[in-house]
Structure formats: C-alpha cells, structure tokens
C-alpha cells in the first residue's frame, strides 16, 4: 500500500481520522450533557457540535445511551488504571478509589440514574463491572496481607461495596428515602458499616 508524505499508509490515516471523529463525538456529548442534561440533548446537537453529519453519529454509536455508556466507561477506565494508596490497608485503598471516582463523576450526578443502569460496566463482555473487579482486586490483596478476613467472599463483598457506591450516586434523586447527608459523608458512613457491621462486639447475634 502506498505511503503518504508523512510515511503513514492510507489505512492508518483513515483510522486516525475515525478515532478523531469518535473523540469529537464523545467530547461534544460530554459538554452538552453537562450543560443541558442527558434527556434534553439530541443526537442532532451532538453531531452539530462535533461538526459531523447526523448519519455519521450512528456509524459510531447505536444510540445516545450507547454513547453515554462509552463516555462513562472511558473515564472510569482511566481512573482504574492505577489503583490509589499503594501500601495502605485494603479498606483505606477502596475508600480512596471510590472518593476518586466520586470526584470525577460528581458533575454528572444528574445522570446518575443512567449510571446506575449502566452499572459502571464497560461496553462489551470482556470487562464487565470494572468497579467491582477493582474492588475485588484490592480485597484479594487485603486477604494476602491479613487486613481482610480469609473467609470473606471477595466477589460478594466487592459487589455490596459497589452497590453502596452506586446508591450514593443515585440518592439525591430518591428524595423520599434519601438521608440529609452529602454524598461523600454517606459514602464513608456506608463503608464503615460494611466494614465493621452494626452489632456490638459482644452481641451474641453478631
């Protein structure tokens, strides 16, 4: 295949243009979702801000919901690339991880019901539920180092912690049952209960 003046093949140049269009669509959607809300944003507006035709949008995403899942999963992957708090106990590292995710996703809190639906899952089947996987990894390491009980089912514990985090994301939209507590404080309180339980140490039912 012939090379262009920069030494790249025509195929690689096409792939770069495709990636640039994909990135422009994601960036445009992120801007509009924050400015207008997910529901109020149309595919036409996303395409216009990305400077592409509406039909081009559907070459990259099946729907606005699919774009949102890709957008959130991409940001999540970046956050999970290096798990925080190396050398600290597992529960401290999990707390740092969830605080990091919260700080990035808080501006998208009005999209939290969509985030809950996506369940923080990457598109496709290769890496489902990446938050659960990251927490599981930290719990596994905690068992190795002795700060997590050996008998704890890591997968169940990680799922419960991730579910708590997702509920914290959603709780401002559940006004009937939401406690008057800010998100980070509610996250910390829930992690403390999950880690230590609610029964007194000498409670025979504990």
Protein backbone atom coordinates (compact mmCIF):
# COMPACT_ATOMS: atom_id res chain seq x y z
CA UNK A 1 0.00 0.00 0.00
CA UNK A 2 1.33 3.43 -0.94
CA UNK A 3 2.56 5.72 1.80
CA UNK A 4 1.78 9.42 2.04
CA UNK A 5 4.37 12.12 2.56
CA UNK A 6 4.44 11.56 6.33
CA UNK A 7 5.25 7.87 5.93
CA UNK A 8 1.83 6.63 7.08
CA UNK A 9 -0.30 4.36 4.95
CA UNK A 10 -3.71 5.46 3.73
CA UNK A 11 -5.32 2.93 6.06
CA UNK A 12 -3.59 4.34 9.14
CA UNK A 13 -4.58 7.89 8.18
CA UNK A 14 -8.19 6.74 7.83
CA UNK A 15 -8.01 5.06 11.23
CA UNK A 16 -6.67 8.26 12.80
CA UNK A 17 -9.50 10.28 11.27
CA UNK A 18 -12.00 7.74 12.53
CA UNK A 19 -10.56 7.95 16.05
CA UNK A 20 -10.62 11.75 15.91
CA UNK A 21 -14.30 11.72 14.92
CA UNK A 22 -15.07 9.26 17.71
CA UNK A 23 -13.30 11.53 20.19
CA UNK A 24 -15.10 14.65 18.93
CA UNK A 25 -18.47 12.97 19.37
CA UNK A 26 -17.62 11.95 22.94
CA UNK A 27 -16.31 15.42 23.81
CA UNK A 28 -19.35 17.12 22.28
CA UNK A 29 -21.71 14.83 24.17
CA UNK A 30 -19.89 15.40 27.47
CA UNK A 31 -20.19 19.16 27.02
CA UNK A 32 -23.89 19.04 26.15
CA UNK A 33 -24.81 16.52 28.86
CA UNK A 34 -23.30 18.83 31.48
CA UNK A 35 -24.85 21.97 30.02
CA UNK A 36 -28.32 20.73 29.09
CA UNK A 37 -28.87 17.34 30.76
CA UNK A 38 -28.87 13.99 29.01
CA UNK A 39 -32.59 13.91 28.26
CA UNK A 40 -32.62 17.40 26.74
CA UNK A 41 -29.67 16.75 24.44
CA UNK A 42 -30.43 15.45 20.95
CA UNK A 43 -28.31 13.41 18.58
CA UNK A 44 -28.54 16.29 16.11
CA UNK A 45 -26.99 18.66 18.65
CA UNK A 46 -24.17 16.25 19.45
CA UNK A 47 -23.40 15.79 15.75
CA UNK A 48 -23.52 19.54 15.11
CA UNK A 49 -21.13 20.35 17.95
CA UNK A 50 -18.79 17.58 16.77
CA UNK A 51 -19.04 19.02 13.23
CA UNK A 52 -20.29 15.80 11.64
CA UNK A 53 -23.50 14.75 9.93
CA UNK A 54 -26.24 13.13 11.98
CA UNK A 55 -25.80 9.92 9.99
CA UNK A 56 -22.13 9.83 10.99
CA UNK A 57 -23.17 9.65 14.65
CA UNK A 58 -24.87 6.30 14.01
CA UNK A 59 -21.74 4.95 12.34
CA UNK A 60 -20.12 5.15 15.76
CA UNK A 61 -22.93 4.67 18.29
CA UNK A 62 -26.24 2.83 18.15
CA UNK A 63 -27.91 5.41 20.37
CA UNK A 64 -27.37 8.30 22.74
CA UNK A 65 -27.46 5.78 25.60
CA UNK A 66 -24.66 3.76 23.98
CA UNK A 67 -22.56 6.91 23.68
CA UNK A 68 -23.14 7.71 27.36
CA UNK A 69 -22.06 4.21 28.39
CA UNK A 70 -18.88 4.55 26.32
CA UNK A 71 -18.19 8.03 27.71
CA UNK A 72 -18.56 6.98 31.34
CA UNK A 73 -16.69 3.71 30.84
CA UNK A 74 -13.77 5.53 29.20
CA UNK A 75 -13.46 7.92 32.12
CA UNK A 76 -13.77 5.03 34.54
CA UNK A 77 -11.04 3.03 32.79
CA UNK A 78 -8.66 5.98 33.18
CA UNK A 79 -9.45 6.18 36.91
CA UNK A 80 -8.88 2.45 37.41
CA UNK A 81 -5.60 2.31 35.53
CA UNK A 82 -3.57 2.89 38.70
CA UNK A 83 -5.29 1.98 41.96
CA UNK A 84 -4.54 4.53 44.71
CA UNK A 85 -3.00 4.13 48.16
CA UNK A 86 -0.31 1.54 47.45
CA UNK A 87 0.98 0.19 50.77
CA UNK A 88 -2.16 1.12 52.71
CA UNK A 89 -4.74 -1.39 54.06
CA UNK A 90 -7.34 -2.65 51.59
CA UNK A 91 -10.28 -0.73 53.08
CA UNK A 92 -8.33 2.53 53.02
CA UNK A 93 -7.45 1.93 49.37
CA UNK A 94 -11.07 1.15 48.50
CA UNK A 95 -12.16 4.37 50.22
CA UNK A 96 -9.59 6.35 48.22
CA UNK A 97 -10.67 4.66 44.99
CA UNK A 98 -14.35 5.47 45.47
CA UNK A 99 -13.57 9.03 46.54
CA UNK A 100 -11.53 9.43 43.35
CA UNK A 101 -14.39 8.13 41.21
CA UNK A 102 -16.87 10.35 43.06
CA UNK A 103 -14.76 13.47 42.46
CA UNK A 104 -14.74 12.85 38.71
CA UNK A 105 -18.36 11.75 38.32
CA UNK A 106 -19.97 14.28 40.68
CA UNK A 107 -20.57 16.78 37.82
CA UNK A 108 -22.54 14.01 36.09
CA UNK A 109 -24.70 13.33 39.14
CA UNK A 110 -27.81 14.40 37.26
CA UNK A 111 -27.07 11.40 35.00
CA UNK A 112 -26.79 9.03 37.95
CA UNK A 113 -29.91 7.04 37.05
CA UNK A 114 -28.25 6.27 33.70
CA UNK A 115 -25.01 5.48 35.50
CA UNK A 116 -26.91 3.07 37.72
CA UNK A 117 -28.47 1.42 34.65
CA UNK A 118 -25.03 1.01 33.07
CA UNK A 119 -23.84 -0.37 36.44
CA UNK A 120 -20.43 1.12 35.73
CA UNK A 121 -19.92 -1.60 33.10
CA UNK A 122 -17.64 -1.29 30.12
CA UNK A 123 -19.34 -1.89 26.77
CA UNK A 124 -19.00 -5.48 25.61
CA UNK A 125 -18.37 -8.59 27.65
CA UNK A 126 -14.60 -8.65 28.16
CA UNK A 127 -14.53 -6.37 31.22
CA UNK A 128 -17.94 -6.31 32.86
CA UNK A 129 -18.40 -4.29 36.05
CA UNK A 130 -14.89 -2.80 36.25
CA UNK A 131 -15.53 -1.12 39.62
CA UNK A 132 -16.40 -4.49 41.17
CA UNK A 133 -13.28 -6.00 39.63
CA UNK A 134 -11.07 -3.23 41.01
CA UNK A 135 -12.56 -3.57 44.50
CA UNK A 136 -12.18 -7.36 44.29
CA UNK A 137 -8.51 -6.94 43.44
CA UNK A 138 -7.97 -4.72 46.49
CA UNK A 139 -9.85 -7.16 48.74
CA UNK A 140 -7.80 -10.07 47.39
CA UNK A 141 -4.62 -8.19 48.19
CA UNK A 142 -6.02 -7.36 51.62
CA UNK A 143 -6.57 -11.05 52.34
CA UNK A 144 -2.99 -11.80 51.32
CA UNK A 145 -1.69 -9.08 53.66
CA UNK A 146 -4.00 -10.07 56.51
CA UNK A 147 -6.19 -6.96 56.79
CA UNK A 148 -9.27 -8.69 55.29
CA UNK A 149 -10.65 -11.85 56.92
CA UNK A 150 -9.74 -15.00 54.95
CA UNK A 151 -13.33 -16.28 54.98
CA UNK A 152 -14.81 -13.21 53.30
CA UNK A 153 -16.30 -13.91 49.87
CA UNK A 154 -14.43 -11.27 47.89
CA UNK A 155 -16.82 -11.16 44.95
CA UNK A 156 -19.89 -10.68 47.14
CA UNK A 157 -18.14 -8.09 49.33
CA UNK A 158 -16.96 -6.15 46.26
CA UNK A 159 -20.45 -6.23 44.77
CA UNK A 160 -22.00 -4.92 48.01
CA UNK A 161 -19.47 -2.08 48.20
CA UNK A 162 -20.04 -1.16 44.54
CA UNK A 163 -23.81 -1.27 45.04
CA UNK A 164 -23.47 1.09 48.00
CA UNK A 165 -21.42 3.47 45.88
CA UNK A 166 -24.00 3.42 43.10
CA UNK A 167 -26.77 4.09 45.61
CA UNK A 168 -24.83 7.11 46.88
CA UNK A 169 -24.64 8.33 43.28
CA UNK A 170 -28.39 7.93 42.88
CA UNK A 171 -29.59 9.06 46.32
CA UNK A 172 -30.24 12.77 45.52
CA UNK A 173 -32.84 11.56 43.01
CA UNK A 174 -34.59 9.34 45.55
CA UNK A 175 -35.96 12.18 47.66
CA UNK A 176 -38.43 10.02 49.55
CA UNK A 177 -35.72 7.89 51.15
CA UNK A 178 -32.56 9.98 50.80
CA UNK A 179 -30.99 10.90 54.16
CA UNK A 180 -29.97 14.56 54.65
CA UNK A 181 -26.29 13.68 54.20
CA UNK A 182 -23.89 14.82 51.50
CA UNK A 183 -22.63 12.17 49.09
CA UNK A 184 -19.03 11.79 50.37
CA UNK A 185 -20.18 11.56 54.01
CA UNK A 186 -22.83 8.99 53.09
CA UNK A 187 -20.22 7.00 51.18
CA UNK A 188 -17.86 6.96 54.18
CA UNK A 189 -20.63 6.02 56.62
CA UNK A 190 -21.79 3.15 54.44
CA UNK A 191 -18.26 1.81 54.02
CA UNK A 192 -17.77 1.91 57.79
CA UNK A 193 -20.96 -0.12 58.31
CA UNK A 194 -20.00 -2.62 55.62
CA UNK A 195 -16.52 -2.97 57.09
CA UNK A 196 -17.40 -3.19 60.78
CA UNK A 197 -21.07 -4.18 60.93
CA UNK A 198 -23.66 -2.71 63.28
CA UNK A 199 -23.66 -5.25 66.12
CA UNK A 200 -21.65 -4.65 69.28
CA UNK A 201 -18.54 -6.88 69.56
CA UNK A 202 -20.03 -8.93 72.39
CA UNK A 203 -23.51 -9.18 70.84
CA UNK A 204 -24.33 -12.92 70.59
CA UNK A 205 -26.28 -12.20 67.40
CA UNK A 206 -23.22 -10.58 65.78
